[in-house]
C-alpha atoms as a PDB file:
ATOM      1  CA  UNK A   1     -15.787  30.124 -22.907  1.00  0.00           C
ATOM      2  CA  UNK A   2     -14.775  31.973 -19.703  1.00  0.00           C
ATOM      3  CA  UNK A   3     -11.459  31.170 -18.399  1.00  0.00           C
ATOM      4  CA  UNK A   4     -13.152  31.013 -14.626  1.00  0.00           C
ATOM      5  CA  UNK A   5     -14.927  27.772 -16.008  1.00  0.00           C
ATOM      6  CA  UNK A   6     -12.110  26.020 -16.556  1.00  0.00           C
ATOM      7  CA  UNK A   7     -11.275  25.656 -13.043  1.00  0.00           C
ATOM      8  CA  UNK A   8      -9.241  26.628 -10.443  1.00  0.00           C
ATOM      9  CA  UNK A   9      -5.621  28.102  -9.564  1.00  0.00           C
ATOM     10  CA  UNK A  10      -4.206  25.521  -8.206  1.00  0.00           C
ATOM     11  CA  UNK A  11      -3.635  25.812  -4.528  1.00  0.00           C
ATOM     12  CA  UNK A  12      -0.726  23.297  -3.872  1.00  0.00           C
ATOM     13  CA  UNK A  13       3.111  25.485  -3.130  1.00  0.00           C
ATOM     14  CA  UNK A  14       6.155  23.192  -3.751  1.00  0.00           C
ATOM     15  CA  UNK A  15       7.959  23.031   0.530  1.00  0.00           C
ATOM     16  CA  UNK A  16      10.672  21.747   1.752  1.00  0.00           C
ATOM     17  CA  UNK A  17       8.573  19.442   4.207  1.00  0.00           C
ATOM     18  CA  UNK A  18       8.278  16.232   3.699  1.00  0.00           C
ATOM     19  CA  UNK A  19       5.727  14.107   5.617  1.00  0.00           C
ATOM     20  CA  UNK A  20       5.924  10.494   6.432  1.00  0.00           C
ATOM     21  CA  UNK A  21       3.902   7.613   7.184  1.00  0.00           C
ATOM     22  CA  UNK A  22       4.234   4.282   9.789  1.00  0.00           C
ATOM     23  CA  UNK A  23       5.920   1.655   7.930  1.00  0.00           C
ATOM     24  CA  UNK A  24       3.246  -1.265   7.566  1.00  0.00           C
ATOM     25  CA  UNK A  25       5.425  -4.385   7.897  1.00  0.00           C
ATOM     26  CA  UNK A  26       8.349  -3.430   9.776  1.00  0.00           C
ATOM     27  CA  UNK A  27       8.908  -7.226  10.706  1.00  0.00           C
ATOM     28  CA  UNK A  28      10.919  -7.868   6.744  1.00  0.00           C
ATOM     29  CA  UNK A  29      13.136  -6.174   4.750  1.00  0.00           C
ATOM     30  CA  UNK A  30      10.955  -4.656   1.414  1.00  0.00           C
ATOM     31  CA  UNK A  31      11.500  -2.811  -1.734  1.00  0.00           C
ATOM     32  CA  UNK A  32      10.079   0.441  -2.325  1.00  0.00           C
ATOM     33  CA  UNK A  33      10.849   2.237  -5.893  1.00  0.00           C
ATOM     34  CA  UNK A  34      10.333   5.396  -6.765  1.00  0.00           C
ATOM     35  CA  UNK A  35      10.852   7.076 -10.734  1.00  0.00           C
ATOM     36  CA  UNK A  36      10.910  10.752 -10.603  1.00  0.00           C
ATOM     37  CA  UNK A  37      10.494  11.784 -14.514  1.00  0.00           C
ATOM     38  CA  UNK A  38      10.352  15.647 -13.951  1.00  0.00           C
ATOM     39  CA  UNK A  39      12.656  17.344 -11.662  1.00  0.00           C
ATOM     40  CA  UNK A  40      13.988  20.220 -12.718  1.00  0.00           C
ATOM     41  CA  UNK A  41      16.205  22.493 -11.188  1.00  0.00           C
ATOM     42  CA  UNK A  42      18.686  25.564 -12.620  1.00  0.00           C
ATOM     43  CA  UNK A  43      22.000  25.417 -13.446  1.00  0.00           C
ATOM     44  CA  UNK A  44      23.451  27.409 -11.064  1.00  0.00           C
ATOM     45  CA  UNK A  45      26.267  29.296 -13.168  1.00  0.00           C
ATOM     46  CA  UNK A  46      23.762  30.263 -16.538  1.00  0.00           C
ATOM     47  CA  UNK A  47      20.383  30.149 -15.109  1.00  0.00           C
ATOM     48  CA  UNK A  48      18.948  27.954 -17.335  1.00  0.00           C
ATOM     49  CA  UNK A  49      16.873  24.667 -16.338  1.00  0.00           C
ATOM     50  CA  UNK A  50      18.084  21.523 -15.707  1.00  0.00           C
ATOM     51  CA  UNK A  51      15.985  18.223 -15.671  1.00  0.00           C
ATOM     52  CA  UNK A  52      16.843  14.753 -14.859  1.00  0.00           C
ATOM     53  CA  UNK A  53      14.763  11.735 -13.729  1.00  0.00           C
ATOM     54  CA  UNK A  54      15.551  10.490 -10.268  1.00  0.00           C
ATOM     55  CA  UNK A  55      15.442   6.782  -9.705  1.00  0.00           C
ATOM     56  CA  UNK A  56      14.678   6.346  -5.343  1.00  0.00           C
ATOM     57  CA  UNK A  57      14.920   3.260  -3.884  1.00  0.00           C
ATOM     58  CA  UNK A  58      14.508   2.412  -0.453  1.00  0.00           C
ATOM     59  CA  UNK A  59      14.576  -0.383   2.227  1.00  0.00           C
ATOM     60  CA  UNK A  60      12.116   1.574   4.600  1.00  0.00           C
ATOM     61  CA  UNK A  61      12.149   0.827   8.955  1.00  0.00           C
ATOM     62  CA  UNK A  62       9.930   2.570  10.580  1.00  0.00           C
ATOM     63  CA  UNK A  63       9.037   5.363   8.598  1.00  0.00           C
ATOM     64  CA  UNK A  64       7.995   5.681   4.587  1.00  0.00           C
ATOM     65  CA  UNK A  65       7.799   9.120   2.457  1.00  0.00           C
ATOM     66  CA  UNK A  66       4.884  10.459   1.374  1.00  0.00           C
ATOM     67  CA  UNK A  67       3.781  10.524  -2.079  1.00  0.00           C
ATOM     68  CA  UNK A  68       2.394  13.917  -1.888  1.00  0.00           C
ATOM     69  CA  UNK A  69       4.707  15.396   0.490  1.00  0.00           C
ATOM     70  CA  UNK A  70       7.745  13.669  -1.906  1.00  0.00           C
ATOM     71  CA  UNK A  71       5.970  15.667  -5.156  1.00  0.00           C
ATOM     72  CA  UNK A  72       6.366  19.007  -3.379  1.00  0.00           C
ATOM     73  CA  UNK A  73       9.510  18.340  -1.935  1.00  0.00           C
ATOM     74  CA  UNK A  74      10.963  18.011  -5.233  1.00  0.00           C
ATOM     75  CA  UNK A  75       8.880  20.618  -7.116  1.00  0.00           C
ATOM     76  CA  UNK A  76      10.670  22.846  -4.475  1.00  0.00           C
ATOM     77  CA  UNK A  77      14.126  22.941  -6.507  1.00  0.00           C
ATOM     78  CA  UNK A  78      12.160  24.202  -9.881  1.00  0.00           C
ATOM     79  CA  UNK A  79      13.599  27.640  -9.361  1.00  0.00           C
ATOM     80  CA  UNK A  80      16.885  27.250  -7.075  1.00  0.00           C
ATOM     81  CA  UNK A  81      20.211  26.970  -8.966  1.00  0.00           C
ATOM     82  CA  UNK A  82      22.170  23.833  -7.658  1.00  0.00           C
ATOM     83  CA  UNK A  83      25.150  21.887  -9.247  1.00  0.00           C
ATOM     84  CA  UNK A  84      24.160  18.242 -10.329  1.00  0.00           C
ATOM     85  CA  UNK A  85      26.458  16.786  -7.493  1.00  0.00           C
ATOM     86  CA  UNK A  86      24.693  18.850  -4.370  1.00  0.00           C
ATOM     87  CA  UNK A  87      21.056  18.823  -5.160  1.00  0.00           C
ATOM     88  CA  UNK A  88      21.327  14.660  -5.097  1.00  0.00           C
ATOM     89  CA  UNK A  89      23.083  14.619  -2.339  1.00  0.00           C
ATOM     90  CA  UNK A  90      20.916  17.330  -0.404  1.00  0.00           C
ATOM     91  CA  UNK A  91      17.616  15.466  -1.579  1.00  0.00           C
ATOM     92  CA  UNK A  92      19.481  12.057  -0.128  1.00  0.00           C
ATOM     93  CA  UNK A  93      20.136  13.490   3.331  1.00  0.00           C
ATOM     94  CA  UNK A  94      16.804  15.313   3.363  1.00  0.00           C
ATOM     95  CA  UNK A  95      14.608  11.875   2.773  1.00  0.00           C
ATOM     96  CA  UNK A  96      17.079  10.281   4.949  1.00  0.00           C
ATOM     97  CA  UNK A  97      16.462  12.659   7.954  1.00  0.00           C
ATOM     98  CA  UNK A  98      12.192  12.359   7.053  1.00  0.00           C
ATOM     99  CA  UNK A  99      12.195   8.548   7.155  1.00  0.00           C
ATOM    100  CA  UNK A 100      15.600   6.918   9.131  1.00  0.00           C
ATOM    101  CA  UNK A 101      15.258   3.367   5.911  1.00  0.00           C
ATOM    102  CA  UNK A 102      17.295   0.936   6.382  1.00  0.00           C
ATOM    103  CA  UNK A 103      18.912   1.583   2.923  1.00  0.00           C
ATOM    104  CA  UNK A 104      18.145   4.270   0.568  1.00  0.00           C
ATOM    105  CA  UNK A 105      19.529   5.147  -2.777  1.00  0.00           C
ATOM    106  CA  UNK A 106      19.444   7.639  -5.125  1.00  0.00           C
ATOM    107  CA  UNK A 107      19.789   7.676  -8.899  1.00  0.00           C
ATOM    108  CA  UNK A 108      19.959  11.184 -10.741  1.00  0.00           C
ATOM    109  CA  UNK A 109      20.024  10.866 -14.607  1.00  0.00           C
ATOM    110  CA  UNK A 110      20.145  14.303 -15.836  1.00  0.00           C
ATOM    111  CA  UNK A 111      19.947  15.367 -19.129  1.00  0.00           C
ATOM    112  CA  UNK A 112      22.438  16.324 -21.791  1.00  0.00           C
ATOM    113  CA  UNK A 113      24.351  19.745 -21.281  1.00  0.00           C
ATOM    114  CA  UNK A 114      26.903  20.991 -22.985  1.00  0.00           C
ATOM    115  CA  UNK A 115      27.215  17.423 -24.572  1.00  0.00           C
ATOM    116  CA  UNK A 116      27.253  15.780 -21.748  1.00  0.00           C
ATOM    117  CA  UNK A 117      24.797  13.750 -19.588  1.00  0.00           C
ATOM    118  CA  UNK A 118      25.838  13.705 -16.201  1.00  0.00           C
ATOM    119  CA  UNK A 119      24.409  10.524 -13.692  1.00  0.00           C
ATOM    120  CA  UNK A 120      24.973  10.789 -10.190  1.00  0.00           C
ATOM    121  CA  UNK A 121      23.972   8.029  -7.402  1.00  0.00           C
ATOM    122  CA  UNK A 122      24.632   8.387  -3.936  1.00  0.00           C
ATOM    123  CA  UNK A 123      23.191   6.079  -1.375  1.00  0.00           C
ATOM    124  CA  UNK A 124      22.773   5.615   2.294  1.00  0.00           C
ATOM    125  CA  UNK A 125      22.727   2.115   5.145  1.00  0.00           C
ATOM    126  CA  UNK A 126      21.810   2.003   8.151  1.00  0.00           C
ATOM    127  CA  UNK A 127      24.428   1.173  11.210  1.00  0.00           C
ATOM    128  CA  UNK A 128      24.276  -2.179  11.652  1.00  0.00           C
ATOM    129  CA  UNK A 129      21.999  -2.971   8.949  1.00  0.00           C
ATOM    130  CA  UNK A 130      22.900  -5.807   6.346  1.00  0.00           C
ATOM    131  CA  UNK A 131      20.808  -6.668   3.433  1.00  0.00           C
ATOM    132  CA  UNK A 132      18.696 -10.568   3.146  1.00  0.00           C
ATOM    133  CA  UNK A 133      21.117 -12.513   1.024  1.00  0.00           C
ATOM    134  CA  UNK A 134      19.518 -12.834  -2.709  1.00  0.00           C
ATOM    135  CA  UNK A 135      18.051 -16.314  -3.796  1.00  0.00           C
ATOM    136  CA  UNK A 136      18.515 -17.469  -7.032  1.00  0.00           C
ATOM    137  CA  UNK A 137      15.335 -18.202  -8.649  1.00  0.00           C
ATOM    138  CA  UNK A 138      16.676 -18.288 -11.484  1.00  0.00           C
ATOM    139  CA  UNK A 139      17.654 -22.374 -11.180  1.00  0.00           C
ATOM    140  CA  UNK A 140      14.035 -23.230 -11.482  1.00  0.00           C
ATOM    141  CA  UNK A 141      12.703 -24.473 -14.264  1.00  0.00           C
ATOM    142  CA  UNK A 142      10.184 -21.264 -16.013  1.00  0.00           C
ATOM    143  CA  UNK A 143       6.443 -23.007 -16.095  1.00  0.00           C
ATOM    144  CA  UNK A 144       4.098 -22.548 -18.058  1.00  0.00           C
ATOM    145  CA  UNK A 145       0.270 -21.296 -17.583  1.00  0.00           C
ATOM    146  CA  UNK A 146      -0.707 -22.867 -20.070  1.00  0.00           C
ATOM    147  CA  UNK A 147      -1.216 -26.380 -21.279  1.00  0.00           C
ATOM    148  CA  UNK A 148       0.222 -28.353 -24.403  1.00  0.00           C
END
């Protein structure tokens, strides 16, 4: 089989540019949650790869982050030497700058290095924004969707 018949070389390239789109429902708070299991950067001391799963939670204001641009942005760290704490804060800062959310939290769970797991959690709250109170639905009895 000819190698050319397997497909073309991918044209996507990593980038630091984050694209956004208009929040479709600015009248209410809603929670967007993303899990990014393939984050990679390099250890700034050894040059060895560091792997992490990123958990992004945010409540948008006027803009949401576009997923393809987020993927290419995350990919852009693959060949950069970064301390876990610094890269987690930088990603949050860049996302906040691009989207200006009401609330955003980024949790980075790095895989073991030297016998140590590292988790870094960073947050941003828009000045003056207050979350809606949580409604506890556990006080209501559960109903079955079958008849007995």
